[in-house]
Amino acid sequence: MPYAYTSVPVVVTSVAPSQGPASGGNTFTLTGSSLTLAQSVAFDATLAVFTVFSDTKIIAIAPPGAALSVPVTVTTPGGTGTGLAYARIPPPQI
């Protein structure tokens, strides 16, 4: 009998904190399900450095970018989970 592997779709349920400096470098936590096999975490099209802690938790470092709200995605063999946004905040003006 041949073995068949079925990928489970990735689901991202929260990004915390949901905002940070446009300069990047801050740590944030993604929670959801089926995160164990994460191949990438991206802010819009910019890849983030990340570590998978469990099937439900990823810690990542926000990359720098323009001060605006961008979608956060996690890609696994089961697909890409998205739907949440991260707001990049501009530096204070004097």
PDB file of N, CA and C in Angstrom:
ATOM      1  N   MET A   1       0.844  -1.170   0.000  1.00  0.00           N
ATOM      2  CA  MET A   1       0.000   0.000   0.000  1.00  0.00           C
ATOM      3  C   MET A   1       0.897   1.243   0.000  1.00  0.00           C
ATOM      4  N   PRO A   2       0.751   2.128  -0.975  1.00  0.00           N
ATOM      5  CA  PRO A   2       1.574   3.344  -1.022  1.00  0.00           C
ATOM      6  C   PRO A   2       1.184   4.308   0.094  1.00  0.00           C
ATOM      7  N   TYR A   3       2.181   5.044   0.521  1.00  0.00           N
ATOM      8  CA  TYR A   3       1.987   6.041   1.572  1.00  0.00           C
ATOM      9  C   TYR A   3       1.647   7.375   0.925  1.00  0.00           C
ATOM     10  N   ALA A   4       0.639   8.043   1.429  1.00  0.00           N
ATOM     11  CA  ALA A   4       0.256   9.361   0.914  1.00  0.00           C
ATOM     12  C   ALA A   4       0.337  10.376   2.047  1.00  0.00           C
ATOM     13  N   TYR A   5       0.985  11.490   1.773  1.00  0.00           N
ATOM     14  CA  TYR A   5       1.090  12.571   2.749  1.00  0.00           C
ATOM     15  C   TYR A   5       0.135  13.684   2.350  1.00  0.00           C
ATOM     16  N   THR A   6      -0.663  14.113   3.278  1.00  0.00           N
ATOM     17  CA  THR A   6      -1.585  15.216   3.035  1.00  0.00           C
ATOM     18  C   THR A   6      -1.128  16.424   3.844  1.00  0.00           C
ATOM     19  N   SER A   7      -0.834  17.505   3.153  1.00  0.00           N
ATOM     20  CA  SER A   7      -0.430  18.735   3.836  1.00  0.00           C
ATOM     21  C   SER A   7      -1.639  19.385   4.488  1.00  0.00           C
ATOM     22  N   VAL A   8      -1.420  19.891   5.682  1.00  0.00           N
ATOM     23  CA  VAL A   8      -2.472  20.604   6.401  1.00  0.00           C
ATOM     24  C   VAL A   8      -2.276  22.095   6.154  1.00  0.00           C
ATOM     25  N   PRO A   9      -3.333  22.804   5.785  1.00  0.00           N
ATOM     26  CA  PRO A   9      -3.179  24.241   5.532  1.00  0.00           C
ATOM     27  C   PRO A   9      -2.711  24.997   6.773  1.00  0.00           C
ATOM     28  N   VAL A  10      -1.846  25.965   6.555  1.00  0.00           N
ATOM     29  CA  VAL A  10      -1.357  26.806   7.646  1.00  0.00           C
ATOM     30  C   VAL A  10      -2.399  27.884   7.955  1.00  0.00           C
ATOM     31  N   VAL A  11      -2.565  28.151   9.246  1.00  0.00           N
ATOM     32  CA  VAL A  11      -3.492  29.197   9.684  1.00  0.00           C
ATOM     33  C   VAL A  11      -2.733  30.125  10.624  1.00  0.00           C
ATOM     34  N   VAL A  12      -2.752  31.424  10.340  1.00  0.00           N
ATOM     35  CA  VAL A  12      -2.137  32.421  11.219  1.00  0.00           C
ATOM     36  C   VAL A  12      -3.279  33.175  11.894  1.00  0.00           C
ATOM     37  N   THR A  13      -3.303  33.143  13.239  1.00  0.00           N
ATOM     38  CA  THR A  13      -4.414  33.763  13.965  1.00  0.00           C
ATOM     39  C   THR A  13      -4.056  35.082  14.643  1.00  0.00           C
ATOM     40  N   SER A  14      -2.747  35.310  14.909  1.00  0.00           N
ATOM     41  CA  SER A  14      -2.382  36.593  15.521  1.00  0.00           C
ATOM     42  C   SER A  14      -0.931  36.957  15.246  1.00  0.00           C
ATOM     43  N   VAL A  15      -0.693  38.255  15.235  1.00  0.00           N
ATOM     44  CA  VAL A  15       0.643  38.840  15.138  1.00  0.00           C
ATOM     45  C   VAL A  15       0.753  39.786  16.328  1.00  0.00           C
ATOM     46  N   ALA A  16       1.752  39.557  17.201  1.00  0.00           N
ATOM     47  CA  ALA A  16       1.883  40.407  18.394  1.00  0.00           C
ATOM     48  C   ALA A  16       3.342  40.769  18.629  1.00  0.00           C
ATOM     49  N   PRO A  17       3.664  42.032  18.756  1.00  0.00           N
ATOM     50  CA  PRO A  17       2.751  43.154  18.589  1.00  0.00           C
ATOM     51  C   PRO A  17       2.352  43.310  17.125  1.00  0.00           C
ATOM     52  N   SER A  18       1.299  44.023  16.870  1.00  0.00           N
ATOM     53  CA  SER A  18       0.805  44.193  15.503  1.00  0.00           C
ATOM     54  C   SER A  18       1.362  45.441  14.829  1.00  0.00           C
ATOM     55  N   GLN A  19       2.296  46.116  15.508  1.00  0.00           N
ATOM     56  CA  GLN A  19       2.941  47.291  14.918  1.00  0.00           C
ATOM     57  C   GLN A  19       4.339  47.445  15.496  1.00  0.00           C
ATOM     58  N   GLY A  20       5.164  48.184  14.765  1.00  0.00           N
ATOM     59  CA  GLY A  20       6.523  48.437  15.212  1.00  0.00           C
ATOM     60  C   GLY A  20       7.172  49.478  14.333  1.00  0.00           C
ATOM     61  N   PRO A  21       8.422  49.826  14.623  1.00  0.00           N
ATOM     62  CA  PRO A  21       9.094  50.875  13.861  1.00  0.00           C
ATOM     63  C   PRO A  21       9.350  50.467  12.412  1.00  0.00           C
ATOM     64  N   ALA A  22       9.259  51.431  11.510  1.00  0.00           N
ATOM     65  CA  ALA A  22       9.535  51.167  10.098  1.00  0.00           C
ATOM     66  C   ALA A  22      10.976  50.717   9.892  1.00  0.00           C
ATOM     67  N   SER A  23      11.856  51.049  10.831  1.00  0.00           N
ATOM     68  CA  SER A  23      13.263  50.643  10.733  1.00  0.00           C
ATOM     69  C   SER A  23      13.453  49.152  10.973  1.00  0.00           C
ATOM     70  N   GLY A  24      12.406  48.467  11.468  1.00  0.00           N
ATOM     71  CA  GLY A  24      12.478  47.024  11.699  1.00  0.00           C
ATOM     72  C   GLY A  24      13.340  46.681  12.898  1.00  0.00           C
ATOM     73  N   GLY A  25      13.676  45.398  13.025  1.00  0.00           N
ATOM     74  CA  GLY A  25      14.552  44.933  14.084  1.00  0.00           C
ATOM     75  C   GLY A  25      13.859  44.482  15.349  1.00  0.00           C
ATOM     76  N   ASN A  26      12.567  44.746  15.476  1.00  0.00           N
ATOM     77  CA  ASN A  26      11.855  44.313  16.676  1.00  0.00           C
ATOM     78  C   ASN A  26      11.365  42.870  16.516  1.00  0.00           C
ATOM     79  N   THR A  27      11.248  42.183  17.646  1.00  0.00           N
ATOM     80  CA  THR A  27      10.793  40.797  17.656  1.00  0.00           C
ATOM     81  C   THR A  27       9.277  40.765  17.776  1.00  0.00           C
ATOM     82  N   PHE A  28       8.651  39.839  17.055  1.00  0.00           N
ATOM     83  CA  PHE A  28       7.212  39.670  17.163  1.00  0.00           C
ATOM     84  C   PHE A  28       6.877  38.185  17.142  1.00  0.00           C
ATOM     85  N   THR A  29       5.685  37.852  17.611  1.00  0.00           N
ATOM     86  CA  THR A  29       5.236  36.468  17.706  1.00  0.00           C
ATOM     87  C   THR A  29       4.044  36.240  16.790  1.00  0.00           C
ATOM     88  N   LEU A  30       4.128  35.163  16.019  1.00  0.00           N
ATOM     89  CA  LEU A  30       2.997  34.719  15.206  1.00  0.00           C
ATOM     90  C   LEU A  30       2.408  33.497  15.880  1.00  0.00           C
ATOM     91  N   THR A  31       1.101  33.442  16.011  1.00  0.00           N
ATOM     92  CA  THR A  31       0.450  32.245  16.525  1.00  0.00           C
ATOM     93  C   THR A  31      -0.553  31.752  15.496  1.00  0.00           C
ATOM     94  N   GLY A  32      -0.827  30.460  15.563  1.00  0.00           N
ATOM     95  CA  GLY A  32      -1.747  29.851  14.617  1.00  0.00           C
ATOM     96  C   GLY A  32      -1.683  28.343  14.730  1.00  0.00           C
ATOM     97  N   SER A  33      -1.836  27.665  13.601  1.00  0.00           N
ATOM     98  CA  SER A  33      -1.745  26.211  13.579  1.00  0.00           C
ATOM     99  C   SER A  33      -1.026  25.754  12.322  1.00  0.00           C
ATOM    100  N   SER A  34      -0.433  24.575  12.402  1.00  0.00           N
ATOM    101  CA  SER A  34       0.326  23.970  11.297  1.00  0.00           C
ATOM    102  C   SER A  34       1.521  24.831  10.892  1.00  0.00           C
ATOM    103  N   LEU A  35       2.202  25.418  11.884  1.00  0.00           N
ATOM    104  CA  LEU A  35       3.345  26.293  11.618  1.00  0.00           C
ATOM    105  C   LEU A  35       4.684  25.554  11.623  1.00  0.00           C
ATOM    106  N   THR A  36       4.713  24.304  12.068  1.00  0.00           N
ATOM    107  CA  THR A  36       5.967  23.566  12.248  1.00  0.00           C
ATOM    108  C   THR A  36       6.850  23.547  11.010  1.00  0.00           C
ATOM    109  N   LEU A  37       6.270  23.369   9.848  1.00  0.00           N
ATOM    110  CA  LEU A  37       7.055  23.244   8.614  1.00  0.00           C
ATOM    111  C   LEU A  37       7.213  24.570   7.870  1.00  0.00           C
ATOM    112  N   ALA A  38       7.145  25.683   8.591  1.00  0.00           N
ATOM    113  CA  ALA A  38       7.257  27.000   7.947  1.00  0.00           C
ATOM    114  C   ALA A  38       8.544  27.103   7.139  1.00  0.00           C
ATOM    115  N   GLN A  39       8.394  27.523   5.896  1.00  0.00           N
ATOM    116  CA  GLN A  39       9.533  27.735   4.999  1.00  0.00           C
ATOM    117  C   GLN A  39       9.898  29.204   4.907  1.00  0.00           C
ATOM    118  N   SER A  40       8.917  30.077   5.123  1.00  0.00           N
ATOM    119  CA  SER A  40       9.199  31.511   5.094  1.00  0.00           C
ATOM    120  C   SER A  40       8.142  32.281   5.865  1.00  0.00           C
ATOM    121  N   VAL A  41       8.572  33.429   6.367  1.00  0.00           N
ATOM    122  CA  VAL A  41       7.688  34.429   6.968  1.00  0.00           C
ATOM    123  C   VAL A  41       7.998  35.716   6.220  1.00  0.00           C
ATOM    124  N   ALA A  42       6.972  36.381   5.723  1.00  0.00           N
ATOM    125  CA  ALA A  42       7.207  37.584   4.924  1.00  0.00           C
ATOM    126  C   ALA A  42       6.291  38.723   5.340  1.00  0.00           C
ATOM    127  N   PHE A  43       6.835  39.930   5.235  1.00  0.00           N
ATOM    128  CA  PHE A  43       6.086  41.171   5.401  1.00  0.00           C
ATOM    129  C   PHE A  43       5.924  41.714   4.000  1.00  0.00           C
ATOM    130  N   ASP A  44       4.731  41.617   3.456  1.00  0.00           N
ATOM    131  CA  ASP A  44       4.501  41.925   2.061  1.00  0.00           C
ATOM    132  C   ASP A  44       5.418  41.004   1.268  1.00  0.00           C
ATOM    133  N   ALA A  45       6.413  41.504   0.564  1.00  0.00           N
ATOM    134  CA  ALA A  45       7.326  40.627  -0.178  1.00  0.00           C
ATOM    135  C   ALA A  45       8.696  40.510   0.483  1.00  0.00           C
ATOM    136  N   THR A  46       8.879  41.116   1.654  1.00  0.00           N
ATOM    137  CA  THR A  46      10.178  41.112   2.329  1.00  0.00           C
ATOM    138  C   THR A  46      10.245  39.976   3.340  1.00  0.00           C
ATOM    139  N   LEU A  47      11.223  39.088   3.168  1.00  0.00           N
ATOM    140  CA  LEU A  47      11.372  37.948   4.069  1.00  0.00           C
ATOM    141  C   LEU A  47      11.904  38.375   5.429  1.00  0.00           C
ATOM    142  N   ALA A  48      11.423  37.705   6.463  1.00  0.00           N
ATOM    143  CA  ALA A  48      11.855  37.959   7.837  1.00  0.00           C
ATOM    144  C   ALA A  48      12.678  36.776   8.334  1.00  0.00           C
ATOM    145  N   VAL A  49      13.603  37.032   9.244  1.00  0.00           N
ATOM    146  CA  VAL A  49      14.330  35.974   9.942  1.00  0.00           C
ATOM    147  C   VAL A  49      13.377  35.437  11.006  1.00  0.00           C
ATOM    148  N   PHE A  50      13.271  34.099  11.118  1.00  0.00           N
ATOM    149  CA  PHE A  50      12.307  33.536  12.062  1.00  0.00           C
ATOM    150  C   PHE A  50      12.798  32.219  12.638  1.00  0.00           C
ATOM    151  N   THR A  51      12.194  31.830  13.769  1.00  0.00           N
ATOM    152  CA  THR A  51      12.431  30.538  14.407  1.00  0.00           C
ATOM    153  C   THR A  51      11.082  29.937  14.757  1.00  0.00           C
ATOM    154  N   VAL A  52      10.891  28.672  14.382  1.00  0.00           N
ATOM    155  CA  VAL A  52       9.666  27.959  14.738  1.00  0.00           C
ATOM    156  C   VAL A  52       9.854  27.371  16.129  1.00  0.00           C
ATOM    157  N   PHE A  53       8.968  27.714  17.056  1.00  0.00           N
ATOM    158  CA  PHE A  53       9.037  27.188  18.416  1.00  0.00           C
ATOM    159  C   PHE A  53       8.107  26.006  18.619  1.00  0.00           C
ATOM    160  N   SER A  54       7.006  25.973  17.889  1.00  0.00           N
ATOM    161  CA  SER A  54       6.060  24.863  18.007  1.00  0.00           C
ATOM    162  C   SER A  54       5.117  24.911  16.813  1.00  0.00           C
ATOM    163  N   ASP A  55       4.185  24.002  16.787  1.00  0.00           N
ATOM    164  CA  ASP A  55       3.199  23.976  15.718  1.00  0.00           C
ATOM    165  C   ASP A  55       2.293  25.205  15.763  1.00  0.00           C
ATOM    166  N   THR A  56       2.305  25.905  16.906  1.00  0.00           N
ATOM    167  CA  THR A  56       1.412  27.056  17.075  1.00  0.00           C
ATOM    168  C   THR A  56       2.128  28.386  17.301  1.00  0.00           C
ATOM    169  N   LYS A  57       3.488  28.382  17.267  1.00  0.00           N
ATOM    170  CA  LYS A  57       4.214  29.619  17.603  1.00  0.00           C
ATOM    171  C   LYS A  57       5.490  29.786  16.782  1.00  0.00           C
ATOM    172  N   ILE A  58       5.633  30.968  16.199  1.00  0.00           N
ATOM    173  CA  ILE A  58       6.844  31.393  15.489  1.00  0.00           C
ATOM    174  C   ILE A  58       7.266  32.737  16.073  1.00  0.00           C
ATOM    175  N   ILE A  59       8.569  32.886  16.310  1.00  0.00           N
ATOM    176  CA  ILE A  59       9.128  34.180  16.702  1.00  0.00           C
ATOM    177  C   ILE A  59       9.934  34.680  15.507  1.00  0.00           C
ATOM    178  N   ALA A  60       9.739  35.939  15.127  1.00  0.00           N
ATOM    179  CA  ALA A  60      10.426  36.497  13.965  1.00  0.00           C
ATOM    180  C   ALA A  60      10.908  37.909  14.268  1.00  0.00           C
ATOM    181  N   ILE A  61      11.793  38.391  13.400  1.00  0.00           N
ATOM    182  CA  ILE A  61      12.308  39.758  13.499  1.00  0.00           C
ATOM    183  C   ILE A  61      11.754  40.545  12.318  1.00  0.00           C
ATOM    184  N   ALA A  62      11.097  41.641  12.624  1.00  0.00           N
ATOM    185  CA  ALA A  62      10.486  42.459  11.580  1.00  0.00           C
ATOM    186  C   ALA A  62      11.560  43.097  10.701  1.00  0.00           C
ATOM    187  N   PRO A  63      11.445  42.941   9.383  1.00  0.00           N
ATOM    188  CA  PRO A  63      12.390  43.609   8.489  1.00  0.00           C
ATOM    189  C   PRO A  63      12.015  45.084   8.324  1.00  0.00           C
ATOM    190  N   PRO A  64      12.973  45.922   7.931  1.00  0.00           N
ATOM    191  CA  PRO A  64      12.654  47.335   7.700  1.00  0.00           C
ATOM    192  C   PRO A  64      11.811  47.506   6.437  1.00  0.00           C
ATOM    193  N   GLY A  65      11.105  48.618   6.366  1.00  0.00           N
ATOM    194  CA  GLY A  65      10.309  48.906   5.180  1.00  0.00           C
ATOM    195  C   GLY A  65       9.601  50.235   5.321  1.00  0.00           C
ATOM    196  N   ALA A  66       8.835  50.571   4.304  1.00  0.00           N
ATOM    197  CA  ALA A  66       8.085  51.826   4.298  1.00  0.00           C
ATOM    198  C   ALA A  66       7.058  51.831   5.423  1.00  0.00           C
ATOM    199  N   ALA A  67       6.778  53.012   5.950  1.00  0.00           N
ATOM    200  CA  ALA A  67       5.827  53.173   7.048  1.00  0.00           C
ATOM    201  C   ALA A  67       4.400  53.034   6.526  1.00  0.00           C
ATOM    202  N   LEU A  68       3.908  51.819   6.558  1.00  0.00           N
ATOM    203  CA  LEU A  68       2.541  51.522   6.155  1.00  0.00           C
ATOM    204  C   LEU A  68       2.156  50.156   6.690  1.00  0.00           C
ATOM    205  N   SER A  69       0.918  49.776   6.519  1.00  0.00           N
ATOM    206  CA  SER A  69       0.442  48.474   6.977  1.00  0.00           C
ATOM    207  C   SER A  69       0.674  47.450   5.871  1.00  0.00           C
ATOM    208  N   VAL A  70       1.280  46.309   6.228  1.00  0.00           N
ATOM    209  CA  VAL A  70       1.596  45.280   5.236  1.00  0.00           C
ATOM    210  C   VAL A  70       1.061  43.925   5.700  1.00  0.00           C
ATOM    211  N   PRO A  71       0.711  43.049   4.747  1.00  0.00           N
ATOM    212  CA  PRO A  71       0.273  41.714   5.131  1.00  0.00           C
ATOM    213  C   PRO A  71       1.449  40.872   5.616  1.00  0.00           C
ATOM    214  N   VAL A  72       1.189  40.042   6.616  1.00  0.00           N
ATOM    215  CA  VAL A  72       2.182  39.091   7.115  1.00  0.00           C
ATOM    216  C   VAL A  72       1.751  37.715   6.637  1.00  0.00           C
ATOM    217  N   THR A  73       2.681  36.968   6.013  1.00  0.00           N
ATOM    218  CA  THR A  73       2.355  35.637   5.513  1.00  0.00           C
ATOM    219  C   THR A  73       3.341  34.610   6.039  1.00  0.00           C
ATOM    220  N   VAL A  74       2.847  33.394   6.222  1.00  0.00           N
ATOM    221  CA  VAL A  74       3.674  32.244   6.576  1.00  0.00           C
ATOM    222  C   VAL A  74       3.439  31.199   5.498  1.00  0.00           C
ATOM    223  N   THR A  75       4.521  30.715   4.889  1.00  0.00           N
ATOM    224  CA  THR A  75       4.409  29.709   3.843  1.00  0.00           C
ATOM    225  C   THR A  75       4.950  28.381   4.343  1.00  0.00           C
ATOM    226  N   THR A  76       4.171  27.317   4.122  1.00  0.00           N
ATOM    227  CA  THR A  76       4.543  25.946   4.468  1.00  0.00           C
ATOM    228  C   THR A  76       4.261  25.069   3.251  1.00  0.00           C
ATOM    229  N   PRO A  77       4.630  23.786   3.303  1.00  0.00           N
ATOM    230  CA  PRO A  77       4.265  22.897   2.195  1.00  0.00           C
ATOM    231  C   PRO A  77       2.748  22.805   1.988  1.00  0.00           C
ATOM    232  N   GLY A  78       1.970  23.122   3.022  1.00  0.00           N
ATOM    233  CA  GLY A  78       0.513  23.072   2.922  1.00  0.00           C
ATOM    234  C   GLY A  78      -0.119  24.321   2.351  1.00  0.00           C
ATOM    235  N   GLY A  79       0.689  25.341   2.061  1.00  0.00           N
ATOM    236  CA  GLY A  79       0.159  26.577   1.501  1.00  0.00           C
ATOM    237  C   GLY A  79       0.653  27.794   2.251  1.00  0.00           C
ATOM    238  N   THR A  80      -0.007  28.905   2.008  1.00  0.00           N
ATOM    239  CA  THR A  80       0.373  30.172   2.626  1.00  0.00           C
ATOM    240  C   THR A  80      -0.776  30.695   3.471  1.00  0.00           C
ATOM    241  N   GLY A  81      -0.457  31.015   4.727  1.00  0.00           N
ATOM    242  CA  GLY A  81      -1.439  31.611   5.625  1.00  0.00           C
ATOM    243  C   GLY A  81      -1.248  33.108   5.655  1.00  0.00           C
ATOM    244  N   THR A  82      -2.318  33.846   5.517  1.00  0.00           N
ATOM    245  CA  THR A  82      -2.247  35.299   5.496  1.00  0.00           C
ATOM    246  C   THR A  82      -3.524  35.873   6.100  1.00  0.00           C
ATOM    247  N   GLY A  83      -3.743  37.132   5.907  1.00  0.00           N
ATOM    248  CA  GLY A  83      -4.960  37.755   6.390  1.00  0.00           C
ATOM    249  C   GLY A  83      -4.722  38.726   7.528  1.00  0.00           C
ATOM    250  N   LEU A  84      -3.514  38.701   8.096  1.00  0.00           N
ATOM    251  CA  LEU A  84      -3.195  39.624   9.182  1.00  0.00           C
ATOM    252  C   LEU A  84      -2.235  40.688   8.688  1.00  0.00           C
ATOM    253  N   ALA A  85      -2.290  41.846   9.312  1.00  0.00           N
ATOM    254  CA  ALA A  85      -1.430  42.951   8.898  1.00  0.00           C
ATOM    255  C   ALA A  85      -0.533  43.393  10.044  1.00  0.00           C
ATOM    256  N   TYR A  86       0.593  43.985   9.676  1.00  0.00           N
ATOM    257  CA  TYR A  86       1.557  44.554  10.613  1.00  0.00           C
ATOM    258  C   TYR A  86       1.768  46.000  10.188  1.00  0.00           C
ATOM    259  N   ALA A  87       1.618  46.922  11.116  1.00  0.00           N
ATOM    260  CA  ALA A  87       1.764  48.346  10.806  1.00  0.00           C
ATOM    261  C   ALA A  87       3.176  48.810  11.125  1.00  0.00           C
ATOM    262  N   ARG A  88       3.854  49.336  10.115  1.00  0.00           N
ATOM    263  CA  ARG A  88       5.174  49.939  10.315  1.00  0.00           C
ATOM    264  C   ARG A  88       4.960  51.415  10.634  1.00  0.00           C
ATOM    265  N   ILE A  89       5.459  51.832  11.780  1.00  0.00           N
ATOM    266  CA  ILE A  89       5.243  53.191  12.272  1.00  0.00           C
ATOM    267  C   ILE A  89       6.444  54.069  11.913  1.00  0.00           C
ATOM    268  N   PRO A  90       6.201  55.267  11.350  1.00  0.00           N
ATOM    269  CA  PRO A  90       7.321  56.152  11.026  1.00  0.00           C
ATOM    270  C   PRO A  90       7.976  56.690  12.298  1.00  0.00           C
ATOM    271  N   PRO A  91       9.243  57.106  12.202  1.00  0.00           N
ATOM    272  CA  PRO A  91       9.906  57.684  13.374  1.00  0.00           C
ATOM    273  C   PRO A  91       9.250  59.011  13.749  1.00  0.00           C
ATOM    274  N   PRO A  92       9.355  59.394  15.020  1.00  0.00           N
ATOM    275  CA  PRO A  92       8.766  60.671  15.443  1.00  0.00           C
ATOM    276  C   PRO A  92       9.422  61.855  14.730  1.00  0.00           C
ATOM    277  N   GLN A  93       8.646  62.877  14.476  1.00  0.00           N
ATOM    278  CA  GLN A  93       9.140  64.099  13.827  1.00  0.00           C
ATOM    279  C   GLN A  93       9.207  65.214  14.862  1.00  0.00           C
ATOM    280  N   ILE A  94      10.228  66.001  14.763  1.00  0.00           N
ATOM    281  CA  ILE A  94      10.375  67.131  15.692  1.00  0.00           C
ATOM    282  C   ILE A  94      10.144  68.423  14.944  1.00  0.00           C
TER     283      ILE A  94
END
